[in-house]
PDB file of all heavy atoms in Angstrom:
ATOM      1  N   GLY A   1      -5.973 -12.543   8.677  1.00  0.00           N
ATOM      2  CA  GLY A   1      -6.596 -11.446   7.937  1.00  0.00           C
ATOM      3  C   GLY A   1      -7.898 -11.851   7.269  1.00  0.00           C
ATOM      4  O   GLY A   1      -8.899 -11.125   7.335  1.00  0.00           O
ATOM      5  N   ILE A   2      -7.915 -13.016   6.643  1.00  0.00           N
ATOM      6  CA  ILE A   2      -9.134 -13.468   5.960  1.00  0.00           C
ATOM      7  C   ILE A   2     -10.223 -13.819   6.966  1.00  0.00           C
ATOM      8  O   ILE A   2     -11.399 -13.498   6.761  1.00  0.00           O
ATOM      9  CB  ILE A   2      -8.806 -14.631   5.009  1.00  0.00           C
ATOM     10  CG1 ILE A   2      -8.015 -14.082   3.821  1.00  0.00           C
ATOM     11  CG2 ILE A   2     -10.070 -15.345   4.543  1.00  0.00           C
ATOM     12  CD1 ILE A   2      -7.571 -15.086   2.820  1.00  0.00           C
ATOM     13  N   LEU A   3      -9.846 -14.450   8.073  1.00  0.00           N
ATOM     14  CA  LEU A   3     -10.843 -14.723   9.116  1.00  0.00           C
ATOM     15  C   LEU A   3     -11.370 -13.423   9.723  1.00  0.00           C
ATOM     16  O   LEU A   3     -12.562 -13.297  10.023  1.00  0.00           O
ATOM     17  CB  LEU A   3     -10.252 -15.615  10.199  1.00  0.00           C
ATOM     18  CG  LEU A   3      -9.985 -17.067   9.801  1.00  0.00           C
ATOM     19  CD1 LEU A   3      -9.305 -17.806  10.938  1.00  0.00           C
ATOM     20  CD2 LEU A   3     -11.259 -17.755   9.386  1.00  0.00           C
ATOM     21  N   GLY A   4     -10.495 -12.441   9.905  1.00  0.00           N
ATOM     22  CA  GLY A   4     -10.921 -11.142  10.413  1.00  0.00           C
ATOM     23  C   GLY A   4     -11.858 -10.429   9.457  1.00  0.00           C
ATOM     24  O   GLY A   4     -12.842  -9.815   9.877  1.00  0.00           O
ATOM     25  N   LEU A   5     -11.574 -10.507   8.164  1.00  0.00           N
ATOM     26  CA  LEU A   5     -12.457  -9.888   7.175  1.00  0.00           C
ATOM     27  C   LEU A   5     -13.809 -10.594   7.122  1.00  0.00           C
ATOM     28  O   LEU A   5     -14.846  -9.947   6.956  1.00  0.00           O
ATOM     29  CB  LEU A   5     -11.795  -9.891   5.796  1.00  0.00           C
ATOM     30  CG  LEU A   5     -10.669  -8.879   5.615  1.00  0.00           C
ATOM     31  CD1 LEU A   5      -9.888  -9.162   4.346  1.00  0.00           C
ATOM     32  CD2 LEU A   5     -11.213  -7.464   5.614  1.00  0.00           C
ATOM     33  N   THR A   6     -13.807 -11.903   7.283  1.00  0.00           N
ATOM     34  CA  THR A   6     -15.076 -12.637   7.338  1.00  0.00           C
ATOM     35  C   THR A   6     -15.887 -12.210   8.557  1.00  0.00           C
ATOM     36  O   THR A   6     -17.098 -11.976   8.465  1.00  0.00           O
ATOM     37  CB  THR A   6     -14.815 -14.151   7.367  1.00  0.00           C
ATOM     38  OG1 THR A   6     -14.032 -14.520   6.234  1.00  0.00           O
ATOM     39  CG2 THR A   6     -16.110 -14.933   7.366  1.00  0.00           C
ATOM     40  N   GLY A   7     -15.228 -12.088   9.692  1.00  0.00           N
ATOM     41  CA  GLY A   7     -15.900 -11.618  10.901  1.00  0.00           C
ATOM     42  C   GLY A   7     -16.396 -10.183  10.756  1.00  0.00           C
ATOM     43  O   GLY A   7     -17.459  -9.821  11.273  1.00  0.00           O
ATOM     44  N   ALA A   8     -15.631  -9.359  10.049  1.00  0.00           N
ATOM     45  CA  ALA A   8     -16.038  -7.972   9.831  1.00  0.00           C
ATOM     46  C   ALA A   8     -17.293  -7.891   8.976  1.00  0.00           C
ATOM     47  O   ALA A   8     -18.172  -7.051   9.219  1.00  0.00           O
ATOM     48  CB  ALA A   8     -14.900  -7.185   9.183  1.00  0.00           C
ATOM     49  N   VAL A   9     -17.409  -8.759   7.971  1.00  0.00           N
ATOM     50  CA  VAL A   9     -18.614  -8.779   7.141  1.00  0.00           C
ATOM     51  C   VAL A   9     -19.825  -9.143   7.994  1.00  0.00           C
ATOM     52  O   VAL A   9     -20.888  -8.506   7.901  1.00  0.00           O
ATOM     53  CB  VAL A   9     -18.447  -9.770   5.956  1.00  0.00           C
ATOM     54  CG1 VAL A   9     -19.763 -10.007   5.252  1.00  0.00           C
ATOM     55  CG2 VAL A   9     -17.409  -9.267   4.977  1.00  0.00           C
ATOM     56  N   ILE A  10     -19.676 -10.139   8.843  1.00  0.00           N
ATOM     57  CA  ILE A  10     -20.789 -10.569   9.701  1.00  0.00           C
ATOM     58  C   ILE A  10     -21.152  -9.473  10.698  1.00  0.00           C
ATOM     59  O   ILE A  10     -22.322  -9.177  10.917  1.00  0.00           O
ATOM     60  CB  ILE A  10     -20.427 -11.893  10.404  1.00  0.00           C
ATOM     61  CG1 ILE A  10     -20.293 -13.014   9.376  1.00  0.00           C
ATOM     62  CG2 ILE A  10     -21.457 -12.249  11.466  1.00  0.00           C
ATOM     63  CD1 ILE A  10     -19.657 -14.276   9.903  1.00  0.00           C
ATOM     64  N   ALA A  11     -20.136  -8.853  11.307  1.00  0.00           N
ATOM     65  CA  ALA A  11     -20.404  -7.788  12.286  1.00  0.00           C
ATOM     66  C   ALA A  11     -20.994  -6.556  11.617  1.00  0.00           C
ATOM     67  O   ALA A  11     -21.842  -5.876  12.207  1.00  0.00           O
ATOM     68  CB  ALA A  11     -19.122  -7.425  13.025  1.00  0.00           C
ATOM     69  N   ALA A  12     -20.571  -6.252  10.395  1.00  0.00           N
ATOM     70  CA  ALA A  12     -21.113  -5.086   9.689  1.00  0.00           C
ATOM     71  C   ALA A  12     -22.585  -5.269   9.359  1.00  0.00           C
ATOM     72  O   ALA A  12     -23.357  -4.306   9.365  1.00  0.00           O
ATOM     73  CB  ALA A  12     -20.319  -4.825   8.403  1.00  0.00           C
ATOM     74  N   ALA A  13     -22.982  -6.506   9.099  1.00  0.00           N
ATOM     75  CA  ALA A  13     -24.392  -6.765   8.802  1.00  0.00           C
ATOM     76  C   ALA A  13     -25.274  -6.537  10.028  1.00  0.00           C
ATOM     77  O   ALA A  13     -26.471  -6.289   9.897  1.00  0.00           O
ATOM     78  CB  ALA A  13     -24.570  -8.186   8.292  1.00  0.00           C
ATOM     79  N   GLY A  14     -24.689  -6.575  11.210  1.00  0.00           N
ATOM     80  CA  GLY A  14     -25.460  -6.406  12.434  1.00  0.00           C
ATOM     81  C   GLY A  14     -25.564  -4.972  12.926  1.00  0.00           C
ATOM     82  O   GLY A  14     -26.222  -4.713  13.931  1.00  0.00           O
ATOM     83  N   ILE A  15     -24.915  -4.024  12.253  1.00  0.00           N
ATOM     84  CA  ILE A  15     -24.991  -2.625  12.679  1.00  0.00           C
ATOM     85  C   ILE A  15     -26.401  -2.110  12.403  1.00  0.00           C
ATOM     86  O   ILE A  15     -26.928  -2.278  11.307  1.00  0.00           O
ATOM     87  CB  ILE A  15     -23.943  -1.774  11.933  1.00  0.00           C
ATOM     88  CG1 ILE A  15     -22.535  -2.245  12.285  1.00  0.00           C
ATOM     89  CG2 ILE A  15     -24.118  -0.297  12.264  1.00  0.00           C
ATOM     90  CD1 ILE A  15     -21.445  -1.577  11.464  1.00  0.00           C
ATOM     91  N   ARG A  16     -27.009  -1.487  13.390  1.00  0.00           N
ATOM     92  CA  ARG A  16     -28.376  -0.965  13.261  1.00  0.00           C
ATOM     93  C   ARG A  16     -28.379   0.555  13.352  1.00  0.00           C
ATOM     94  O   ARG A  16     -27.622   1.146  14.115  1.00  0.00           O
ATOM     95  CB  ARG A  16     -29.265  -1.535  14.369  1.00  0.00           C
ATOM     96  CG  ARG A  16     -29.415  -3.023  14.321  1.00  0.00           C
ATOM     97  CD  ARG A  16     -30.284  -3.456  13.151  1.00  0.00           C
ATOM     98  NE  ARG A  16     -30.235  -4.892  12.999  1.00  0.00           N
ATOM     99  CZ  ARG A  16     -29.901  -5.500  11.873  1.00  0.00           C
ATOM    100  NH1 ARG A  16     -29.595  -4.817  10.821  1.00  0.00           N
ATOM    101  NH2 ARG A  16     -29.877  -6.807  11.800  1.00  0.00           N
ATOM    102  N   ALA A  17     -29.244   1.172  12.591  1.00  0.00           N
ATOM    103  CA  ALA A  17     -29.395   2.627  12.621  1.00  0.00           C
ATOM    104  C   ALA A  17     -29.971   3.048  13.965  1.00  0.00           C
ATOM    105  O   ALA A  17     -30.869   2.413  14.502  1.00  0.00           O
ATOM    106  CB  ALA A  17     -30.308   3.084  11.494  1.00  0.00           C
ATOM    107  N   GLY A  18     -29.430   4.108  14.517  1.00  0.00           N
ATOM    108  CA  GLY A  18     -29.940   4.637  15.768  1.00  0.00           C
ATOM    109  C   GLY A  18     -29.284   4.073  17.004  1.00  0.00           C
ATOM    110  O   GLY A  18     -29.457   4.610  18.091  1.00  0.00           O
ATOM    111  N   ASP A  19     -28.522   2.992  16.885  1.00  0.00           N
ATOM    112  CA  ASP A  19     -27.812   2.455  18.045  1.00  0.00           C
ATOM    113  C   ASP A  19     -26.618   3.351  18.344  1.00  0.00           C
ATOM    114  O   ASP A  19     -25.794   3.602  17.474  1.00  0.00           O
ATOM    115  CB  ASP A  19     -27.319   1.031  17.783  1.00  0.00           C
ATOM    116  CG  ASP A  19     -28.431   0.016  17.808  1.00  0.00           C
ATOM    117  OD1 ASP A  19     -29.520   0.349  18.296  1.00  0.00           O
ATOM    118  OD2 ASP A  19     -28.206  -1.109  17.337  1.00  0.00           O
ATOM    119  N   THR A  20     -26.552   3.846  19.556  1.00  0.00           N
ATOM    120  CA  THR A  20     -25.447   4.712  19.938  1.00  0.00           C
ATOM    121  C   THR A  20     -24.680   4.085  21.092  1.00  0.00           C
ATOM    122  O   THR A  20     -25.220   3.316  21.875  1.00  0.00           O
ATOM    123  CB  THR A  20     -25.944   6.107  20.359  1.00  0.00           C
ATOM    124  OG1 THR A  20     -26.819   5.967  21.460  1.00  0.00           O
ATOM    125  CG2 THR A  20     -26.640   6.805  19.205  1.00  0.00           C
ATOM    126  N   LEU A  21     -23.434   4.453  21.171  1.00  0.00           N
ATOM    127  CA  LEU A  21     -22.555   3.981  22.228  1.00  0.00           C
ATOM    128  C   LEU A  21     -21.802   5.187  22.764  1.00  0.00           C
ATOM    129  O   LEU A  21     -21.072   5.850  22.021  1.00  0.00           O
ATOM    130  CB  LEU A  21     -21.581   2.935  21.677  1.00  0.00           C
ATOM    131  CG  LEU A  21     -20.527   2.401  22.624  1.00  0.00           C
ATOM    132  CD1 LEU A  21     -21.197   1.591  23.735  1.00  0.00           C
ATOM    133  CD2 LEU A  21     -19.541   1.558  21.875  1.00  0.00           C
ATOM    134  N   ALA A  22     -22.027   5.524  24.034  1.00  0.00           N
ATOM    135  CA  ALA A  22     -21.360   6.672  24.648  1.00  0.00           C
ATOM    136  C   ALA A  22     -19.968   6.262  25.111  1.00  0.00           C
ATOM    137  O   ALA A  22     -19.805   5.308  25.867  1.00  0.00           O
ATOM    138  CB  ALA A  22     -22.172   7.189  25.814  1.00  0.00           C
ATOM    139  N   ILE A  23     -18.972   6.988  24.640  1.00  0.00           N
ATOM    140  CA  ILE A  23     -17.587   6.754  25.037  1.00  0.00           C
ATOM    141  C   ILE A  23     -16.997   8.103  25.422  1.00  0.00           C
ATOM    142  O   ILE A  23     -16.849   8.982  24.574  1.00  0.00           O
ATOM    143  CB  ILE A  23     -16.762   6.117  23.907  1.00  0.00           C
ATOM    144  CG1 ILE A  23     -17.298   4.749  23.558  1.00  0.00           C
ATOM    145  CG2 ILE A  23     -15.295   6.035  24.299  1.00  0.00           C
ATOM    146  CD1 ILE A  23     -16.563   4.058  22.451  1.00  0.00           C
ATOM    147  N   GLY A  24     -16.678   8.245  26.686  1.00  0.00           N
ATOM    148  CA  GLY A  24     -16.138   9.519  27.158  1.00  0.00           C
ATOM    149  C   GLY A  24     -17.164  10.623  26.973  1.00  0.00           C
ATOM    150  O   GLY A  24     -18.300  10.506  27.395  1.00  0.00           O
ATOM    151  N   GLY A  25     -16.778  11.682  26.315  1.00  0.00           N
ATOM    152  CA  GLY A  25     -17.687  12.790  26.072  1.00  0.00           C
ATOM    153  C   GLY A  25     -18.316  12.752  24.697  1.00  0.00           C
ATOM    154  O   GLY A  25     -19.001  13.686  24.297  1.00  0.00           O
ATOM    155  N   SER A  26     -18.086  11.684  23.950  1.00  0.00           N
ATOM    156  CA  SER A  26     -18.614  11.588  22.590  1.00  0.00           C
ATOM    157  C   SER A  26     -19.448  10.326  22.445  1.00  0.00           C
ATOM    158  O   SER A  26     -19.639   9.578  23.395  1.00  0.00           O
ATOM    159  CB  SER A  26     -17.454  11.570  21.594  1.00  0.00           C
ATOM    160  OG  SER A  26     -17.931  11.588  20.271  1.00  0.00           O
ATOM    161  N   GLN A  27     -19.951  10.125  21.257  1.00  0.00           N
ATOM    162  CA  GLN A  27     -20.757   8.946  20.964  1.00  0.00           C
ATOM    163  C   GLN A  27     -20.324   8.339  19.646  1.00  0.00           C
ATOM    164  O   GLN A  27     -19.772   9.013  18.780  1.00  0.00           O
ATOM    165  CB  GLN A  27     -22.239   9.316  20.856  1.00  0.00           C
ATOM    166  CG  GLN A  27     -22.877   9.738  22.137  1.00  0.00           C
ATOM    167  CD  GLN A  27     -24.366  10.006  21.929  1.00  0.00           C
ATOM    168  OE1 GLN A  27     -24.833  10.144  20.807  1.00  0.00           O
ATOM    169  NE2 GLN A  27     -25.093  10.087  23.022  1.00  0.00           N
ATOM    170  N   LEU A  28     -20.600   7.057  19.511  1.00  0.00           N
ATOM    171  CA  LEU A  28     -20.489   6.363  18.236  1.00  0.00           C
ATOM    172  C   LEU A  28     -21.900   5.971  17.853  1.00  0.00           C
ATOM    173  O   LEU A  28     -22.575   5.275  18.592  1.00  0.00           O
ATOM    174  CB  LEU A  28     -19.604   5.120  18.354  1.00  0.00           C
ATOM    175  CG  LEU A  28     -18.142   5.348  18.695  1.00  0.00           C
ATOM    176  CD1 LEU A  28     -17.433   4.014  18.862  1.00  0.00           C
ATOM    177  CD2 LEU A  28     -17.469   6.180  17.641  1.00  0.00           C
ATOM    178  N   ALA A  29     -22.342   6.434  16.706  1.00  0.00           N
ATOM    179  CA  ALA A  29     -23.724   6.208  16.297  1.00  0.00           C
ATOM    180  C   ALA A  29     -23.764   5.382  15.010  1.00  0.00           C
ATOM    181  O   ALA A  29     -23.040   5.663  14.057  1.00  0.00           O
ATOM    182  CB  ALA A  29     -24.440   7.542  16.069  1.00  0.00           C
ATOM    183  N   GLY A  30     -24.608   4.378  15.011  1.00  0.00           N
ATOM    184  CA  GLY A  30     -24.809   3.570  13.812  1.00  0.00           C
ATOM    185  C   GLY A  30     -25.796   4.236  12.873  1.00  0.00           C
ATOM    186  O   GLY A  30     -26.633   5.040  13.295  1.00  0.00           O
ATOM    187  N   SER A  31     -25.681   3.937  11.600  1.00  0.00           N
ATOM    188  CA  SER A  31     -26.619   4.467  10.604  1.00  0.00           C
ATOM    189  C   SER A  31     -26.733   3.454   9.468  1.00  0.00           C
ATOM    190  O   SER A  31     -25.928   2.526   9.359  1.00  0.00           O
ATOM    191  CB  SER A  31     -26.139   5.815  10.062  1.00  0.00           C
ATOM    192  OG  SER A  31     -24.955   5.672   9.312  1.00  0.00           O
ATOM    193  N   ASP A  32     -27.744   3.649   8.649  1.00  0.00           N
ATOM    194  CA  ASP A  32     -27.908   2.763   7.495  1.00  0.00           C
ATOM    195  C   ASP A  32     -26.735   2.897   6.535  1.00  0.00           C
ATOM    196  O   ASP A  32     -26.258   1.908   5.976  1.00  0.00           O
ATOM    197  CB  ASP A  32     -29.214   3.075   6.772  1.00  0.00           C
ATOM    198  CG  ASP A  32     -30.431   2.670   7.577  1.00  0.00           C
ATOM    199  OD1 ASP A  32     -30.313   1.713   8.376  1.00  0.00           O
ATOM    200  OD2 ASP A  32     -31.491   3.298   7.419  1.00  0.00           O
ATOM    201  N   TYR A  33     -26.264   4.136   6.330  1.00  0.00           N
ATOM    202  CA  TYR A  33     -25.132   4.353   5.437  1.00  0.00           C
ATOM    203  C   TYR A  33     -23.874   3.670   5.978  1.00  0.00           C
ATOM    204  O   TYR A  33     -23.121   3.059   5.217  1.00  0.00           O
ATOM    205  CB  TYR A  33     -24.876   5.845   5.249  1.00  0.00           C
ATOM    206  CG  TYR A  33     -23.682   6.130   4.370  1.00  0.00           C
ATOM    207  CD1 TYR A  33     -23.747   5.923   2.997  1.00  0.00           C
ATOM    208  CD2 TYR A  33     -22.479   6.561   4.902  1.00  0.00           C
ATOM    209  CE1 TYR A  33     -22.660   6.155   2.186  1.00  0.00           C
ATOM    210  CE2 TYR A  33     -21.391   6.790   4.110  1.00  0.00           C
ATOM    211  CZ  TYR A  33     -21.489   6.591   2.750  1.00  0.00           C
ATOM    212  OH  TYR A  33     -20.403   6.808   1.953  1.00  0.00           O
ATOM    213  N   LEU A  34     -23.660   3.767   7.273  1.00  0.00           N
ATOM    214  CA  LEU A  34     -22.498   3.123   7.887  1.00  0.00           C
ATOM    215  C   LEU A  34     -22.557   1.615   7.699  1.00  0.00           C
ATOM    216  O   LEU A  34     -21.551   0.983   7.374  1.00  0.00           O
ATOM    217  CB  LEU A  34     -22.434   3.471   9.375  1.00  0.00           C
ATOM    218  CG  LEU A  34     -21.384   2.737  10.201  1.00  0.00           C
ATOM    219  CD1 LEU A  34     -19.985   3.041   9.700  1.00  0.00           C
ATOM    220  CD2 LEU A  34     -21.513   3.111  11.655  1.00  0.00           C
TER     221      LEU A  34
END
């Protein structure tokens, strides 16, 4: 759990606004707030 949370902090810092990922008929979009 602690290693996963550490990895989550690092991965969250890499989220960029405007990056989208198409999955099926929808999208996952990054934002500054996210």
